[in-house]
PDB file of N, CA and C in Angstrom:
ATOM      1  N   UNK A   1       9.404  27.253  15.742  1.00  0.00           N
ATOM      2  CA  UNK A   1       8.165  26.645  14.954  1.00  0.00           C
ATOM      3  C   UNK A   1       7.961  27.804  13.763  1.00  0.00           C
ATOM      4  N   UNK A   2       8.274  28.792  13.999  1.00  0.00           N
ATOM      5  CA  UNK A   2       8.118  30.001  13.107  1.00  0.00           C
ATOM      6  C   UNK A   2       8.865  29.583  11.486  1.00  0.00           C
ATOM      7  N   UNK A   3      10.224  28.894  11.585  1.00  0.00           N
ATOM      8  CA  UNK A   3      10.873  28.792  10.904  1.00  0.00           C
ATOM      9  C   UNK A   3      10.199  27.215   9.784  1.00  0.00           C
ATOM     10  N   UNK A   4      10.022  26.495  10.374  1.00  0.00           N
ATOM     11  CA  UNK A   4       8.765  25.481   9.651  1.00  0.00           C
ATOM     12  C   UNK A   4       7.690  25.956   8.998  1.00  0.00           C
ATOM     13  N   UNK A   5       7.008  27.089   9.320  1.00  0.00           N
ATOM     14  CA  UNK A   5       6.046  27.769   9.089  1.00  0.00           C
ATOM     15  C   UNK A   5       6.401  28.525   7.668  1.00  0.00           C
ATOM     16  N   UNK A   6       7.526  28.920   7.427  1.00  0.00           N
ATOM     17  CA  UNK A   6       8.158  29.406   6.704  1.00  0.00           C
ATOM     18  C   UNK A   6       8.764  28.721   5.424  1.00  0.00           C
ATOM     19  N   UNK A   7       9.103  27.443   5.807  1.00  0.00           N
ATOM     20  CA  UNK A   7       9.416  26.524   4.760  1.00  0.00           C
ATOM     21  C   UNK A   7       8.167  26.072   4.180  1.00  0.00           C
ATOM     22  N   UNK A   8       6.958  25.791   5.099  1.00  0.00           N
ATOM     23  CA  UNK A   8       5.657  25.513   4.324  1.00  0.00           C
ATOM     24  C   UNK A   8       5.010  26.430   3.170  1.00  0.00           C
ATOM     25  N   UNK A   9       5.472  27.594   3.702  1.00  0.00           N
ATOM     26  CA  UNK A   9       5.153  28.632   2.822  1.00  0.00           C
ATOM     27  C   UNK A   9       5.582  28.507   1.173  1.00  0.00           C
ATOM     28  N   UNK A  10       6.851  28.434   1.445  1.00  0.00           N
ATOM     29  CA  UNK A  10       7.901  28.645  -0.043  1.00  0.00           C
ATOM     30  C   UNK A  10       7.397  27.167  -0.641  1.00  0.00           C
ATOM     31  N   UNK A  11       7.333  26.018   0.221  1.00  0.00           N
ATOM     32  CA  UNK A  11       6.545  24.870  -0.512  1.00  0.00           C
ATOM     33  C   UNK A  11       5.447  25.190  -1.224  1.00  0.00           C
ATOM     34  N   UNK A  12       4.665  25.545  -0.708  1.00  0.00           N
ATOM     35  CA  UNK A  12       3.235  25.926  -1.209  1.00  0.00           C
ATOM     36  C   UNK A  12       3.351  26.607  -2.348  1.00  0.00           C
ATOM     37  N   UNK A  13       4.229  27.871  -2.364  1.00  0.00           N
ATOM     38  CA  UNK A  13       4.216  28.551  -3.503  1.00  0.00           C
ATOM     39  C   UNK A  13       4.982  27.917  -4.935  1.00  0.00           C
ATOM     40  N   UNK A  14       6.049  27.052  -4.608  1.00  0.00           N
ATOM     41  CA  UNK A  14       6.986  26.311  -5.784  1.00  0.00           C
ATOM     42  C   UNK A  14       5.653  25.227  -6.094  1.00  0.00           C
ATOM     43  N   UNK A  15       4.736  24.805  -5.386  1.00  0.00           N
ATOM     44  CA  UNK A  15       3.935  23.738  -5.778  1.00  0.00           C
ATOM     45  C   UNK A  15       2.715  24.538  -6.862  1.00  0.00           C
ATOM     46  N   UNK A  16       2.473  25.557  -6.300  1.00  0.00           N
ATOM     47  CA  UNK A  16       1.265  26.450  -7.348  1.00  0.00           C
ATOM     48  C   UNK A  16       2.059  26.846  -8.717  1.00  0.00           C
ATOM     49  N   UNK A  17       3.255  27.252  -8.448  1.00  0.00           N
ATOM     50  CA  UNK A  17       3.912  27.601  -9.712  1.00  0.00           C
ATOM     51  C   UNK A  17       3.969  26.257 -10.684  1.00  0.00           C
ATOM     52  N   UNK A  18       4.197  25.276 -10.121  1.00  0.00           N
ATOM     53  CA  UNK A  18       4.411  24.031 -10.874  1.00  0.00           C
ATOM     54  C   UNK A  18       2.988  23.707 -11.707  1.00  0.00           C
ATOM     55  N   UNK A  19       2.153  23.641 -10.568  1.00  0.00           N
ATOM     56  CA  UNK A  19       0.737  23.546 -11.176  1.00  0.00           C
ATOM     57  C   UNK A  19       0.218  24.475 -12.396  1.00  0.00           C
ATOM     58  N   UNK A  20       0.565  25.787 -12.217  1.00  0.00           N
ATOM     59  CA  UNK A  20       0.180  26.633 -13.200  1.00  0.00           C
ATOM     60  C   UNK A  20       1.028  26.293 -14.519  1.00  0.00           C
ATOM     61  N   UNK A  21       1.930  25.814 -14.254  1.00  0.00           N
ATOM     62  CA  UNK A  21       2.700  25.534 -15.625  1.00  0.00           C
ATOM     63  C   UNK A  21       2.667  24.376 -16.206  1.00  0.00           C
ATOM     64  N   UNK A  22       1.933  23.796 -15.604  1.00  0.00           N
ATOM     65  CA  UNK A  22       1.737  22.079 -15.653  1.00  0.00           C
ATOM     66  C   UNK A  22       2.568  20.984 -15.949  1.00  0.00           C
ATOM     67  N   UNK A  23       3.740  21.524 -15.005  1.00  0.00           N
ATOM     68  CA  UNK A  23       4.863  20.541 -14.797  1.00  0.00           C
ATOM     69  C   UNK A  23       4.590  19.538 -13.890  1.00  0.00           C
ATOM     70  N   UNK A  24       4.680  18.185 -14.292  1.00  0.00           N
ATOM     71  CA  UNK A  24       4.355  17.275 -12.950  1.00  0.00           C
ATOM     72  C   UNK A  24       5.813  16.657 -12.796  1.00  0.00           C
ATOM     73  N   UNK A  25       5.924  16.191 -11.570  1.00  0.00           N
ATOM     74  CA  UNK A  25       7.504  15.567 -11.234  1.00  0.00           C
ATOM     75  C   UNK A  25       7.196  14.293 -11.269  1.00  0.00           C
ATOM     76  N   UNK A  26       8.212  13.775 -11.518  1.00  0.00           N
ATOM     77  CA  UNK A  26       8.475  12.194 -11.587  1.00  0.00           C
ATOM     78  C   UNK A  26       8.448  12.048 -10.175  1.00  0.00           C
ATOM     79  N   UNK A  27       8.199  10.407 -10.014  1.00  0.00           N
ATOM     80  CA  UNK A  27       8.471   9.839  -8.756  1.00  0.00           C
ATOM     81  C   UNK A  27       9.639  10.211  -7.992  1.00  0.00           C
ATOM     82  N   UNK A  28      10.604  10.078  -8.739  1.00  0.00           N
ATOM     83  CA  UNK A  28      12.176   9.924  -8.122  1.00  0.00           C
ATOM     84  C   UNK A  28      12.096  11.336  -7.702  1.00  0.00           C
ATOM     85  N   UNK A  29      11.861  12.500  -8.589  1.00  0.00           N
ATOM     86  CA  UNK A  29      11.782  13.854  -8.179  1.00  0.00           C
ATOM     87  C   UNK A  29      10.833  14.185  -6.892  1.00  0.00           C
ATOM     88  N   UNK A  30       9.720  13.636  -6.813  1.00  0.00           N
ATOM     89  CA  UNK A  30       9.181  13.643  -5.469  1.00  0.00           C
ATOM     90  C   UNK A  30       9.849  13.340  -4.368  1.00  0.00           C
ATOM     91  N   UNK A  31      10.171  12.038  -4.428  1.00  0.00           N
ATOM     92  CA  UNK A  31      11.144  11.558  -3.275  1.00  0.00           C
ATOM     93  C   UNK A  31      12.153  12.090  -2.904  1.00  0.00           C
ATOM     94  N   UNK A  32      12.860  12.759  -3.789  1.00  0.00           N
ATOM     95  CA  UNK A  32      14.157  13.608  -3.712  1.00  0.00           C
ATOM     96  C   UNK A  32      13.587  14.794  -2.753  1.00  0.00           C
ATOM     97  N   UNK A  33      12.741  15.555  -3.261  1.00  0.00           N
ATOM     98  CA  UNK A  33      12.171  16.871  -2.593  1.00  0.00           C
ATOM     99  C   UNK A  33      11.671  16.391  -1.237  1.00  0.00           C
ATOM    100  N   UNK A  34      11.173  15.303  -1.216  1.00  0.00           N
ATOM    101  CA  UNK A  34      10.662  15.246   0.167  1.00  0.00           C
ATOM    102  C   UNK A  34      11.498  14.647   1.142  1.00  0.00           C
ATOM    103  N   UNK A  35      12.770  14.000   0.598  1.00  0.00           N
ATOM    104  CA  UNK A  35      13.776  13.984   1.477  1.00  0.00           C
ATOM    105  C   UNK A  35      14.706  15.120   1.711  1.00  0.00           C
ATOM    106  N   UNK A  36      14.704  15.962   0.976  1.00  0.00           N
ATOM    107  CA  UNK A  36      15.330  17.361   1.168  1.00  0.00           C
ATOM    108  C   UNK A  36      14.744  18.254   2.123  1.00  0.00           C
ATOM    109  N   UNK A  37      13.132  18.190   2.205  1.00  0.00           N
ATOM    110  CA  UNK A  37      12.597  18.781   2.934  1.00  0.00           C
ATOM    111  C   UNK A  37      12.597  18.093   4.475  1.00  0.00           C
ATOM    112  N   UNK A  38      12.754  17.198   4.546  1.00  0.00           N
ATOM    113  CA  UNK A  38      12.809  16.343   5.627  1.00  0.00           C
ATOM    114  C   UNK A  38      14.090  16.537   6.625  1.00  0.00           C
ATOM    115  N   UNK A  39      15.138  16.533   5.515  1.00  0.00           N
ATOM    116  CA  UNK A  39      16.483  16.809   6.177  1.00  0.00           C
ATOM    117  C   UNK A  39      16.450  18.218   6.824  1.00  0.00           C
ATOM    118  N   UNK A  40      16.073  19.241   6.097  1.00  0.00           N
ATOM    119  CA  UNK A  40      15.978  20.545   6.402  1.00  0.00           C
ATOM    120  C   UNK A  40      15.023  20.590   7.744  1.00  0.00           C
ATOM    121  N   UNK A  41      13.893  19.923   7.826  1.00  0.00           N
ATOM    122  CA  UNK A  41      12.998  20.011   9.094  1.00  0.00           C
ATOM    123  C   UNK A  41      13.946  19.396  10.150  1.00  0.00           C
ATOM    124  N   UNK A  42      14.473  18.288   9.828  1.00  0.00           N
ATOM    125  CA  UNK A  42      15.393  17.771  11.047  1.00  0.00           C
ATOM    126  C   UNK A  42      16.591  18.601  11.625  1.00  0.00           C
ATOM    127  N   UNK A  43      16.999  19.159  10.463  1.00  0.00           N
ATOM    128  CA  UNK A  43      18.216  20.003  10.901  1.00  0.00           C
ATOM    129  C   UNK A  43      17.670  21.376  11.665  1.00  0.00           C
ATOM    130  N   UNK A  44      16.408  21.809  11.229  1.00  0.00           N
ATOM    131  CA  UNK A  44      16.178  22.861  12.009  1.00  0.00           C
ATOM    132  C   UNK A  44      15.691  22.697  13.628  1.00  0.00           C
ATOM    133  N   UNK A  45      15.273  21.168  13.513  1.00  0.00           N
ATOM    134  CA  UNK A  45      14.412  20.806  14.877  1.00  0.00           C
ATOM    135  C   UNK A  45      15.937  20.779  15.770  1.00  0.00           C
ATOM    136  N   UNK A  46      17.088  19.913  15.252  1.00  0.00           N
ATOM    137  CA  UNK A  46      18.137  19.888  15.901  1.00  0.00           C
ATOM    138  C   UNK A  46      18.809  21.295  16.451  1.00  0.00           C
ATOM    139  N   UNK A  47      18.757  22.163  15.736  1.00  0.00           N
ATOM    140  CA  UNK A  47      19.140  23.566  16.122  1.00  0.00           C
ATOM    141  C   UNK A  47      18.298  24.233  17.305  1.00  0.00           C
ATOM    142  N   UNK A  48      17.109  23.890  17.241  1.00  0.00           N
ATOM    143  CA  UNK A  48      16.229  24.069  18.117  1.00  0.00           C
ATOM    144  C   UNK A  48      16.248  23.334  19.618  1.00  0.00           C
ATOM    145  N   UNK A  49      16.625  22.376  19.492  1.00  0.00           N
ATOM    146  CA  UNK A  49      16.809  21.388  20.713  1.00  0.00           C
ATOM    147  C   UNK A  49      18.288  21.939  21.359  1.00  0.00           C
ATOM    148  N   UNK A  50      19.153  22.179  20.185  1.00  0.00           N
ATOM    149  CA  UNK A  50      20.435  22.493  20.739  1.00  0.00           C
ATOM    150  C   UNK A  50      20.383  23.960  21.589  1.00  0.00           C
ATOM    151  N   UNK A  51      19.556  24.694  21.392  1.00  0.00           N
ATOM    152  CA  UNK A  51      19.562  25.909  21.813  1.00  0.00           C
ATOM    153  C   UNK A  51      18.835  25.921  23.229  1.00  0.00           C
ATOM    154  N   UNK A  52      17.853  25.019  23.190  1.00  0.00           N
ATOM    155  CA  UNK A  52      17.228  24.617  24.806  1.00  0.00           C
ATOM    156  C   UNK A  52      18.352  23.949  25.910  1.00  0.00           C
ATOM    157  N   UNK A  53      19.267  23.288  25.258  1.00  0.00           N
ATOM    158  CA  UNK A  53      20.424  22.562  26.147  1.00  0.00           C
ATOM    159  C   UNK A  53      21.296  23.769  26.625  1.00  0.00           C
TER     160      UNK A  53
END
């Protein structure tokens, strides 16, 4: 669970930086980032489950 919390923190910081710079993501970029984050989370969960077995 700790790794997911770290991912959330890094995503929060990048979102804050974008807001400060006034950069807006297009819908395509937003979906790509969400897809990337979902894949990273799935990979982390797969690692966690494989260690349990």
